[in-house]
Protein backbone atom coordinates (compact mmCIF):
# COMPACT_ATOMS: atom_id res chain seq x y z
CA MET A 1 80.00 98.48 97.56
CA SER A 2 79.53 100.85 100.47
CA VAL A 3 82.48 101.70 102.66
CA PRO A 4 81.99 103.51 105.99
CA VAL A 5 83.81 106.84 106.26
CA HIS A 6 85.27 108.08 109.56
CA ILE A 7 83.21 110.98 110.81
CA ASP A 8 86.09 112.26 112.94
CA ALA A 9 88.56 112.53 110.05
CA PRO A 10 90.43 115.88 109.99
CA ALA A 11 89.02 118.51 107.64
CA GLY A 12 90.35 118.25 104.11
CA THR A 13 91.30 114.57 104.40
CA TRP A 14 89.56 111.49 103.18
CA ALA A 15 89.71 108.45 105.41
CA GLN A 16 87.83 105.19 105.26
CA ARG A 17 87.80 101.82 106.92
CA SER A 18 86.57 98.79 105.08
CA THR A 19 84.65 96.11 106.91
CA GLN A 20 85.57 93.56 104.23
CA SER A 21 88.59 91.31 104.13
CA PRO A 22 91.39 92.25 101.69
CA ALA A 23 90.55 89.21 99.53
CA ALA A 24 86.93 90.35 99.24
CA LEU A 25 88.05 93.80 98.06
CA CYS A 26 89.81 92.32 95.03
CA SER A 27 87.38 92.81 92.17
CA SER A 28 88.74 90.13 89.86
CA PRO A 29 89.69 86.54 90.68
CA ARG A 30 93.23 85.34 90.16
CA PRO A 31 93.82 83.61 86.83
CA ALA A 32 93.98 79.83 86.88
CA LEU A 33 97.35 78.11 86.72
CA ASP A 34 97.97 75.79 83.76
CA GLU A 35 99.72 73.04 85.72
CA ALA A 36 101.03 71.24 82.62
CA ALA A 37 102.72 74.43 81.37
CA ALA A 38 103.95 75.36 84.87
CA ALA A 39 105.91 72.11 85.13
CA THR A 40 108.59 73.69 82.92
CA TRP A 41 109.88 77.09 81.94
CA GLU A 42 111.19 78.21 78.56
CA TYR A 43 114.33 80.16 77.75
CA PRO A 44 115.16 81.31 74.20
CA ASP A 45 117.74 79.34 72.25
CA SER A 46 119.23 81.30 69.40
CA ALA A 47 122.25 80.92 67.16
CA ASP A 48 122.19 84.72 66.68
CA ARG A 49 123.14 85.54 70.26
CA SER A 50 125.40 83.96 72.82
CA PHE A 51 124.10 82.20 75.92
CA ARG A 52 124.80 84.27 79.02
CA THR A 53 124.69 82.28 82.24
CA TYR A 54 123.87 85.28 84.45
CA GLN A 55 120.79 86.12 82.30
CA HIS A 56 119.57 82.53 82.57
CA ALA A 57 120.12 82.54 86.36
CA LEU A 58 118.38 85.91 86.83
CA ALA A 59 115.41 84.84 84.69
CA ARG A 60 115.05 81.63 86.70
CA CYS A 61 115.27 83.56 89.96
CA ALA A 62 112.68 86.12 88.77
CA LEU A 63 110.27 83.32 87.86
CA LEU A 64 110.48 81.76 91.32
CA GLN A 65 110.41 84.83 93.58
CA ASN A 66 110.08 88.61 93.59
CA THR A 67 113.25 89.96 92.02
CA LEU A 68 114.75 93.35 91.28
CA VAL A 69 117.25 93.08 88.41
CA SER A 70 119.86 95.81 88.60
CA ILE A 71 122.53 95.30 85.95
CA PRO A 72 124.23 97.79 83.60
CA THR A 73 122.74 98.99 80.34
CA GLY A 74 123.15 96.45 77.54
CA TYR A 75 123.39 93.42 79.83
CA GLY A 76 119.94 92.03 79.03
CA LYS A 77 117.33 93.32 81.48
CA THR A 78 114.74 93.44 78.69
CA LEU A 79 115.53 89.86 77.68
CA ILE A 80 115.11 88.73 81.29
CA ALA A 81 111.79 90.57 81.52
CA ALA A 82 110.64 89.03 78.21
CA VAL A 83 111.48 85.52 79.44
CA VAL A 84 109.53 86.11 82.66
CA ILE A 85 106.56 87.58 80.77
CA HIS A 86 106.55 84.73 78.25
CA ASN A 87 106.54 82.09 80.98
CA MET A 88 103.95 83.85 83.15
CA LEU A 89 101.59 84.04 80.18
CA ARG A 90 102.19 80.34 79.50
CA TRP A 91 101.52 79.45 83.14
CA PHE A 92 98.51 81.77 83.51
CA PRO A 93 96.96 81.85 80.01
CA GLU A 94 94.02 84.02 81.09
CA GLY A 95 96.22 86.42 83.07
CA HIS A 96 97.58 89.83 82.12
CA VAL A 97 101.07 91.31 82.27
CA VAL A 98 101.96 94.98 82.52
CA PHE A 99 105.51 95.92 81.50
CA MET A 100 106.46 99.46 82.49
CA ALA A 101 109.64 101.37 81.75
CA PRO A 102 110.65 105.01 82.20
CA THR A 103 110.59 107.19 79.11
CA ARG A 104 113.89 108.81 80.08
CA PRO A 105 116.96 107.68 82.03
CA LEU A 106 116.65 107.99 85.80
């Protein structure tokens, strides 16, 4: 793909303007939705741990819209992320998920 470069860009900078639409610049298509799986969402049921209403509510919220979960250490952020990842992979079986976390406390 060739992208025109601005001739009048200041020295030492790299500037470009694409003539393609943003959708055309995306190199891979979006994964297909499995509509049967997307009709429901799953939440773990375990006798080993207690059900926490706020975790359930945050997981549901994160599945339906962009969400930033900011709760104290030990309150289940990883569980919420795992529930979201599990359901996204069910809904988009050919999709990919990237889970990133800092290697040290912020």
